[in-house]
Amino acid sequence: MEHVQADHELFLQAFEKPTQIYRFLRTRNLIAPIFLHRTLTYMSHRNSRTNIKRKTFKVDDMLSKVEKMKGEQESHR
């Protein structure tokens, strides 16, 4: 029984520090969050990508594009 108690104490000592750190980080994040819960739409003008291709994207187009590239590679050999 004493051996089990000693093992339990070692277990608690090993995991006490990390849990204290995580508890501290949790409370600090509640008080002063690193990331604010908002979208970044106000910075969309800095984004050079457009979403036009996303709207018309189809998986079949992707397959045909790969098949076309493979066909071109085989014709160059």
PDB file of N, CA and C in Angstrom:
ATOM      1  N   MET A   1       0.833  -1.208   0.000  1.00  0.00           N
ATOM      2  CA  MET A   1       0.000   0.000   0.000  1.00  0.00           C
ATOM      3  C   MET A   1       0.869   1.260   0.000  1.00  0.00           C
ATOM      4  N   GLU A   2       1.955   1.188   0.760  1.00  0.00           N
ATOM      5  CA  GLU A   2       2.853   2.347   0.852  1.00  0.00           C
ATOM      6  C   GLU A   2       3.517   2.621  -0.502  1.00  0.00           C
ATOM      7  N   HIS A   3       3.798   1.544  -1.244  1.00  0.00           N
ATOM      8  CA  HIS A   3       4.397   1.682  -2.572  1.00  0.00           C
ATOM      9  C   HIS A   3       3.434   2.402  -3.526  1.00  0.00           C
ATOM     10  N   VAL A   4       2.166   2.070  -3.437  1.00  0.00           N
ATOM     11  CA  VAL A   4       1.149   2.715  -4.275  1.00  0.00           C
ATOM     12  C   VAL A   4       1.039   4.193  -3.920  1.00  0.00           C
ATOM     13  N   GLN A   5       1.094   4.494  -2.633  1.00  0.00           N
ATOM     14  CA  GLN A   5       1.029   5.889  -2.166  1.00  0.00           C
ATOM     15  C   GLN A   5       2.230   6.680  -2.688  1.00  0.00           C
ATOM     16  N   ALA A   6       3.424   6.060  -2.653  1.00  0.00           N
ATOM     17  CA  ALA A   6       4.634   6.730  -3.137  1.00  0.00           C
ATOM     18  C   ALA A   6       4.539   6.977  -4.644  1.00  0.00           C
ATOM     19  N   ASP A   7       4.040   5.981  -5.380  1.00  0.00           N
ATOM     20  CA  ASP A   7       3.856   6.159  -6.823  1.00  0.00           C
ATOM     21  C   ASP A   7       2.875   7.287  -7.123  1.00  0.00           C
ATOM     22  N   HIS A   8       1.825   7.352  -6.344  1.00  0.00           N
ATOM     23  CA  HIS A   8       0.823   8.405  -6.529  1.00  0.00           C
ATOM     24  C   HIS A   8       1.427   9.785  -6.263  1.00  0.00           C
ATOM     25  N   GLU A   9       2.255   9.890  -5.241  1.00  0.00           N
ATOM     26  CA  GLU A   9       2.926  11.162  -4.929  1.00  0.00           C
ATOM     27  C   GLU A   9       3.857  11.577  -6.070  1.00  0.00           C
ATOM     28  N   LEU A  10       4.613  10.618  -6.611  1.00  0.00           N
ATOM     29  CA  LEU A  10       5.502  10.928  -7.737  1.00  0.00           C
ATOM     30  C   LEU A  10       4.703  11.381  -8.957  1.00  0.00           C
ATOM     31  N   PHE A  11       3.589  10.728  -9.181  1.00  0.00           N
ATOM     32  CA  PHE A  11       2.717  11.112 -10.288  1.00  0.00           C
ATOM     33  C   PHE A  11       2.222  12.545 -10.113  1.00  0.00           C
ATOM     34  N   LEU A  12       1.766  12.868  -8.913  1.00  0.00           N
ATOM     35  CA  LEU A  12       1.265  14.221  -8.659  1.00  0.00           C
ATOM     36  C   LEU A  12       2.360  15.263  -8.811  1.00  0.00           C
ATOM     37  N   GLN A  13       3.565  14.953  -8.335  1.00  0.00           N
ATOM     38  CA  GLN A  13       4.674  15.898  -8.463  1.00  0.00           C
ATOM     39  C   GLN A  13       5.033  16.121  -9.932  1.00  0.00           C
ATOM     40  N   ALA A  14       4.990  15.044 -10.720  1.00  0.00           N
ATOM     41  CA  ALA A  14       5.373  15.152 -12.130  1.00  0.00           C
ATOM     42  C   ALA A  14       4.383  15.998 -12.921  1.00  0.00           C
ATOM     43  N   PHE A  15       3.110  15.935 -12.567  1.00  0.00           N
ATOM     44  CA  PHE A  15       2.093  16.629 -13.352  1.00  0.00           C
ATOM     45  C   PHE A  15       1.572  17.907 -12.713  1.00  0.00           C
ATOM     46  N   GLU A  16       2.095  18.258 -11.561  1.00  0.00           N
ATOM     47  CA  GLU A  16       1.611  19.461 -10.884  1.00  0.00           C
ATOM     48  C   GLU A  16       2.072  20.726 -11.597  1.00  0.00           C
ATOM     49  N   LYS A  17       3.352  20.773 -11.961  1.00  0.00           N
ATOM     50  CA  LYS A  17       3.888  21.975 -12.606  1.00  0.00           C
ATOM     51  C   LYS A  17       3.190  22.293 -13.931  1.00  0.00           C
ATOM     52  N   PRO A  18       3.089  21.329 -14.857  1.00  0.00           N
ATOM     53  CA  PRO A  18       2.402  21.656 -16.114  1.00  0.00           C
ATOM     54  C   PRO A  18       0.962  22.104 -15.915  1.00  0.00           C
ATOM     55  N   THR A  19       0.265  21.480 -14.981  1.00  0.00           N
ATOM     56  CA  THR A  19      -1.123  21.894 -14.770  1.00  0.00           C
ATOM     57  C   THR A  19      -1.194  23.295 -14.195  1.00  0.00           C
ATOM     58  N   GLN A  20      -0.224  23.656 -13.370  1.00  0.00           N
ATOM     59  CA  GLN A  20      -0.189  25.039 -12.869  1.00  0.00           C
ATOM     60  C   GLN A  20       0.036  26.012 -14.021  1.00  0.00           C
ATOM     61  N   ILE A  21       0.942  25.646 -14.916  1.00  0.00           N
ATOM     62  CA  ILE A  21       1.224  26.515 -16.064  1.00  0.00           C
ATOM     63  C   ILE A  21      -0.022  26.668 -16.930  1.00  0.00           C
ATOM     64  N   TYR A  22      -0.693  25.548 -17.221  1.00  0.00           N
ATOM     65  CA  TYR A  22      -1.896  25.610 -18.053  1.00  0.00           C
ATOM     66  C   TYR A  22      -3.009  26.398 -17.376  1.00  0.00           C
ATOM     67  N   ARG A  23      -3.125  26.256 -16.073  1.00  0.00           N
ATOM     68  CA  ARG A  23      -4.135  27.017 -15.342  1.00  0.00           C
ATOM     69  C   ARG A  23      -3.834  28.514 -15.424  1.00  0.00           C
ATOM     70  N   PHE A  24      -2.543  28.868 -15.276  1.00  0.00           N
ATOM     71  CA  PHE A  24      -2.142  30.264 -15.381  1.00  0.00           C
ATOM     72  C   PHE A  24      -2.440  30.812 -16.773  1.00  0.00           C
ATOM     73  N   LEU A  25      -2.077  30.032 -17.812  1.00  0.00           N
ATOM     74  CA  LEU A  25      -2.330  30.486 -19.180  1.00  0.00           C
ATOM     75  C   LEU A  25      -3.821  30.655 -19.443  1.00  0.00           C
ATOM     76  N   ARG A  26      -4.627  29.765 -18.884  1.00  0.00           N
ATOM     77  CA  ARG A  26      -6.075  29.859 -19.073  1.00  0.00           C
ATOM     78  C   ARG A  26      -6.623  31.135 -18.445  1.00  0.00           C
ATOM     79  N   THR A  27      -6.220  31.420 -17.214  1.00  0.00           N
ATOM     80  CA  THR A  27      -6.745  32.624 -16.554  1.00  0.00           C
ATOM     81  C   THR A  27      -6.231  33.882 -17.240  1.00  0.00           C
ATOM     82  N   ARG A  28      -4.958  33.856 -17.687  1.00  0.00           N
ATOM     83  CA  ARG A  28      -4.426  35.025 -18.390  1.00  0.00           C
ATOM     84  C   ARG A  28      -5.164  35.246 -19.702  1.00  0.00           C
ATOM     85  N   ASN A  29      -5.494  34.141 -20.390  1.00  0.00           N
ATOM     86  CA  ASN A  29      -6.217  34.260 -21.649  1.00  0.00           C
ATOM     87  C   ASN A  29      -7.634  34.779 -21.424  1.00  0.00           C
ATOM     88  N   LEU A  30      -8.249  34.418 -20.306  1.00  0.00           N
ATOM     89  CA  LEU A  30      -9.584  34.938 -20.011  1.00  0.00           C
ATOM     90  C   LEU A  30      -9.542  36.438 -19.742  1.00  0.00           C
ATOM     91  N   ILE A  31      -8.482  36.887 -19.085  1.00  0.00           N
ATOM     92  CA  ILE A  31      -8.364  38.313 -18.740  1.00  0.00           C
ATOM     93  C   ILE A  31      -7.936  39.137 -19.954  1.00  0.00           C
ATOM     94  N   ALA A  32      -6.856  38.693 -20.617  1.00  0.00           N
ATOM     95  CA  ALA A  32      -6.320  39.430 -21.768  1.00  0.00           C
ATOM     96  C   ALA A  32      -6.061  38.450 -22.906  1.00  0.00           C
ATOM     97  N   PRO A  33      -7.052  38.195 -23.748  1.00  0.00           N
ATOM     98  CA  PRO A  33      -6.882  37.191 -24.807  1.00  0.00           C
ATOM     99  C   PRO A  33      -5.858  37.614 -25.854  1.00  0.00           C
ATOM    100  N   ILE A  34      -5.138  36.619 -26.343  1.00  0.00           N
ATOM    101  CA  ILE A  34      -4.153  36.875 -27.392  1.00  0.00           C
ATOM    102  C   ILE A  34      -4.877  37.130 -28.710  1.00  0.00           C
ATOM    103  N   PHE A  35      -5.849  36.263 -29.009  1.00  0.00           N
ATOM    104  CA  PHE A  35      -6.618  36.387 -30.242  1.00  0.00           C
ATOM    105  C   PHE A  35      -8.022  36.855 -29.900  1.00  0.00           C
ATOM    106  N   LEU A  36      -8.456  37.886 -30.566  1.00  0.00           N
ATOM    107  CA  LEU A  36      -9.802  38.380 -30.348  1.00  0.00           C
ATOM    108  C   LEU A  36     -10.767  37.620 -31.241  1.00  0.00           C
ATOM    109  N   HIS A  37     -11.958  37.389 -30.761  1.00  0.00           N
ATOM    110  CA  HIS A  37     -12.960  36.672 -31.532  1.00  0.00           C
ATOM    111  C   HIS A  37     -13.644  37.645 -32.487  1.00  0.00           C
ATOM    112  N   ARG A  38     -13.028  37.807 -33.643  1.00  0.00           N
ATOM    113  CA  ARG A  38     -13.606  38.665 -34.676  1.00  0.00           C
ATOM    114  C   ARG A  38     -13.054  38.207 -36.019  1.00  0.00           C
ATOM    115  N   THR A  39     -13.667  38.641 -37.063  1.00  0.00           N
ATOM    116  CA  THR A  39     -13.163  38.275 -38.380  1.00  0.00           C
ATOM    117  C   THR A  39     -12.188  39.339 -38.855  1.00  0.00           C
ATOM    118  N   LEU A  40     -11.435  38.990 -39.854  1.00  0.00           N
ATOM    119  CA  LEU A  40     -10.452  39.931 -40.392  1.00  0.00           C
ATOM    120  C   LEU A  40     -10.927  40.515 -41.715  1.00  0.00           C
ATOM    121  N   THR A  41     -12.223  40.716 -41.850  1.00  0.00           N
ATOM    122  CA  THR A  41     -12.748  41.257 -43.102  1.00  0.00           C
ATOM    123  C   THR A  41     -12.277  42.688 -43.336  1.00  0.00           C
ATOM    124  N   TYR A  42     -11.956  43.383 -42.264  1.00  0.00           N
ATOM    125  CA  TYR A  42     -11.490  44.760 -42.438  1.00  0.00           C
ATOM    126  C   TYR A  42     -10.130  44.804 -43.113  1.00  0.00           C
ATOM    127  N   MET A  43      -9.430  43.661 -43.204  1.00  0.00           N
ATOM    128  CA  MET A  43      -8.132  43.622 -43.876  1.00  0.00           C
ATOM    129  C   MET A  43      -8.220  42.933 -45.235  1.00  0.00           C
ATOM    130  N   SER A  44      -9.419  42.705 -45.736  1.00  0.00           N
ATOM    131  CA  SER A  44      -9.565  41.962 -46.990  1.00  0.00           C
ATOM    132  C   SER A  44      -8.968  42.713 -48.179  1.00  0.00           C
ATOM    133  N   HIS A  45      -8.860  44.011 -48.101  1.00  0.00           N
ATOM    134  CA  HIS A  45      -8.274  44.769 -49.209  1.00  0.00           C
ATOM    135  C   HIS A  45      -6.791  44.453 -49.390  1.00  0.00           C
ATOM    136  N   ARG A  46      -6.145  43.903 -48.362  1.00  0.00           N
ATOM    137  CA  ARG A  46      -4.732  43.550 -48.458  1.00  0.00           C
ATOM    138  C   ARG A  46      -4.531  42.179 -49.096  1.00  0.00           C
ATOM    139  N   ASN A  47      -5.601  41.432 -49.253  1.00  0.00           N
ATOM    140  CA  ASN A  47      -5.517  40.090 -49.809  1.00  0.00           C
ATOM    141  C   ASN A  47      -5.511  40.167 -51.333  1.00  0.00           C
ATOM    142  N   SER A  48      -4.473  39.594 -51.938  1.00  0.00           N
ATOM    143  CA  SER A  48      -4.363  39.676 -53.393  1.00  0.00           C
ATOM    144  C   SER A  48      -5.175  38.587 -54.093  1.00  0.00           C
ATOM    145  N   ARG A  49      -5.556  37.541 -53.376  1.00  0.00           N
ATOM    146  CA  ARG A  49      -6.319  36.452 -53.984  1.00  0.00           C
ATOM    147  C   ARG A  49      -7.777  36.843 -54.138  1.00  0.00           C
ATOM    148  N   THR A  50      -8.382  36.260 -55.146  1.00  0.00           N
ATOM    149  CA  THR A  50      -9.823  36.423 -55.311  1.00  0.00           C
ATOM    150  C   THR A  50     -10.478  35.061 -55.134  1.00  0.00           C
ATOM    151  N   ASN A  51     -11.737  35.061 -54.824  1.00  0.00           N
ATOM    152  CA  ASN A  51     -12.452  33.816 -54.578  1.00  0.00           C
ATOM    153  C   ASN A  51     -13.286  33.367 -55.770  1.00  0.00           C
ATOM    154  N   ILE A  52     -13.037  33.952 -56.933  1.00  0.00           N
ATOM    155  CA  ILE A  52     -13.819  33.603 -58.118  1.00  0.00           C
ATOM    156  C   ILE A  52     -13.604  32.137 -58.482  1.00  0.00           C
ATOM    157  N   LYS A  53     -12.342  31.684 -58.447  1.00  0.00           N
ATOM    158  CA  LYS A  53     -12.054  30.292 -58.790  1.00  0.00           C
ATOM    159  C   LYS A  53     -12.662  29.339 -57.770  1.00  0.00           C
ATOM    160  N   ARG A  54     -12.747  29.747 -56.539  1.00  0.00           N
ATOM    161  CA  ARG A  54     -13.336  28.899 -55.503  1.00  0.00           C
ATOM    162  C   ARG A  54     -14.806  28.623 -55.780  1.00  0.00           C
ATOM    163  N   LYS A  55     -15.505  29.625 -56.243  1.00  0.00           N
ATOM    164  CA  LYS A  55     -16.945  29.477 -56.468  1.00  0.00           C
ATOM    165  C   LYS A  55     -17.242  28.516 -57.610  1.00  0.00           C
ATOM    166  N   THR A  56     -16.357  28.489 -58.617  1.00  0.00           N
ATOM    167  CA  THR A  56     -16.602  27.633 -59.781  1.00  0.00           C
ATOM    168  C   THR A  56     -15.823  26.328 -59.720  1.00  0.00           C
ATOM    169  N   PHE A  57     -15.142  26.045 -58.623  1.00  0.00           N
ATOM    170  CA  PHE A  57     -14.293  24.859 -58.499  1.00  0.00           C
ATOM    171  C   PHE A  57     -15.116  23.577 -58.488  1.00  0.00           C
ATOM    172  N   LYS A  58     -14.620  22.596 -59.250  1.00  0.00           N
ATOM    173  CA  LYS A  58     -15.221  21.261 -59.242  1.00  0.00           C
ATOM    174  C   LYS A  58     -14.087  20.243 -59.217  1.00  0.00           C
ATOM    175  N   VAL A  59     -14.265  19.174 -58.473  1.00  0.00           N
ATOM    176  CA  VAL A  59     -13.223  18.157 -58.350  1.00  0.00           C
ATOM    177  C   VAL A  59     -12.933  17.516 -59.701  1.00  0.00           C
ATOM    178  N   ASP A  60     -13.954  17.350 -60.518  1.00  0.00           N
ATOM    179  CA  ASP A  60     -13.765  16.749 -61.842  1.00  0.00           C
ATOM    180  C   ASP A  60     -12.816  17.591 -62.699  1.00  0.00           C
ATOM    181  N   ASP A  61     -12.886  18.913 -62.549  1.00  0.00           N
ATOM    182  CA  ASP A  61     -11.971  19.790 -63.281  1.00  0.00           C
ATOM    183  C   ASP A  61     -10.527  19.530 -62.858  1.00  0.00           C
ATOM    184  N   MET A  62     -10.339  19.276 -61.581  1.00  0.00           N
ATOM    185  CA  MET A  62      -9.009  19.005 -61.066  1.00  0.00           C
ATOM    186  C   MET A  62      -8.460  17.712 -61.682  1.00  0.00           C
ATOM    187  N   LEU A  63      -9.301  16.687 -61.768  1.00  0.00           N
ATOM    188  CA  LEU A  63      -8.900  15.420 -62.376  1.00  0.00           C
ATOM    189  C   LEU A  63      -8.542  15.607 -63.843  1.00  0.00           C
ATOM    190  N   SER A  64      -9.362  16.335 -64.573  1.00  0.00           N
ATOM    191  CA  SER A  64      -9.081  16.532 -66.000  1.00  0.00           C
ATOM    192  C   SER A  64      -7.798  17.337 -66.201  1.00  0.00           C
ATOM    193  N   LYS A  65      -7.525  18.271 -65.304  1.00  0.00           N
ATOM    194  CA  LYS A  65      -6.299  19.060 -65.402  1.00  0.00           C
ATOM    195  C   LYS A  65      -5.068  18.175 -65.197  1.00  0.00           C
ATOM    196  N   VAL A  66      -5.134  17.261 -64.216  1.00  0.00           N
ATOM    197  CA  VAL A  66      -4.016  16.353 -63.958  1.00  0.00           C
ATOM    198  C   VAL A  66      -3.825  15.395 -65.125  1.00  0.00           C
ATOM    199  N   GLU A  67      -4.929  14.876 -65.665  1.00  0.00           N
ATOM    200  CA  GLU A  67      -4.830  13.978 -66.818  1.00  0.00           C
ATOM    201  C   GLU A  67      -4.234  14.697 -68.021  1.00  0.00           C
ATOM    202  N   LYS A  68      -4.593  15.948 -68.198  1.00  0.00           N
ATOM    203  CA  LYS A  68      -4.058  16.742 -69.306  1.00  0.00           C
ATOM    204  C   LYS A  68      -2.555  16.946 -69.129  1.00  0.00           C
ATOM    205  N   MET A  69      -2.118  17.245 -67.896  1.00  0.00           N
ATOM    206  CA  MET A  69      -0.693  17.433 -67.631  1.00  0.00           C
ATOM    207  C   MET A  69       0.078  16.139 -67.879  1.00  0.00           C
ATOM    208  N   LYS A  70      -0.483  15.002 -67.462  1.00  0.00           N
ATOM    209  CA  LYS A  70       0.181  13.713 -67.698  1.00  0.00           C
ATOM    210  C   LYS A  70       0.284  13.427 -69.190  1.00  0.00           C
ATOM    211  N   GLY A  71      -0.763  13.740 -69.932  1.00  0.00           N
ATOM    212  CA  GLY A  71      -0.735  13.543 -71.381  1.00  0.00           C
ATOM    213  C   GLY A  71       0.326  14.392 -72.044  1.00  0.00           C
ATOM    214  N   GLU A  72       0.484  15.637 -71.589  1.00  0.00           N
ATOM    215  CA  GLU A  72       1.509  16.519 -72.148  1.00  0.00           C
ATOM    216  C   GLU A  72       2.907  16.009 -71.823  1.00  0.00           C
ATOM    217  N   GLN A  73       3.101  15.493 -70.614  1.00  0.00           N
ATOM    218  CA  GLN A  73       4.412  14.969 -70.229  1.00  0.00           C
ATOM    219  C   GLN A  73       4.769  13.742 -71.058  1.00  0.00           C
ATOM    220  N   GLU A  74       3.781  12.879 -71.312  1.00  0.00           N
ATOM    221  CA  GLU A  74       4.045  11.677 -72.101  1.00  0.00           C
ATOM    222  C   GLU A  74       4.333  12.023 -73.558  1.00  0.00           C
ATOM    223  N   SER A  75       3.726  13.070 -74.075  1.00  0.00           N
ATOM    224  CA  SER A  75       3.963  13.451 -75.469  1.00  0.00           C
ATOM    225  C   SER A  75       5.345  14.085 -75.646  1.00  0.00           C
ATOM    226  N   HIS A  76       5.916  14.652 -74.582  1.00  0.00           N
ATOM    227  CA  HIS A  76       7.242  15.265 -74.662  1.00  0.00           C
ATOM    228  C   HIS A  76       8.352  14.231 -74.579  1.00  0.00           C
ATOM    229  N   ARG A  77       8.039  13.018 -74.180  1.00  0.00           N
ATOM    230  CA  ARG A  77       9.074  11.983 -74.033  1.00  0.00           C
ATOM    231  C   ARG A  77       9.469  11.397 -75.339  1.00  0.00           C
TER     232      ARG A  77
END
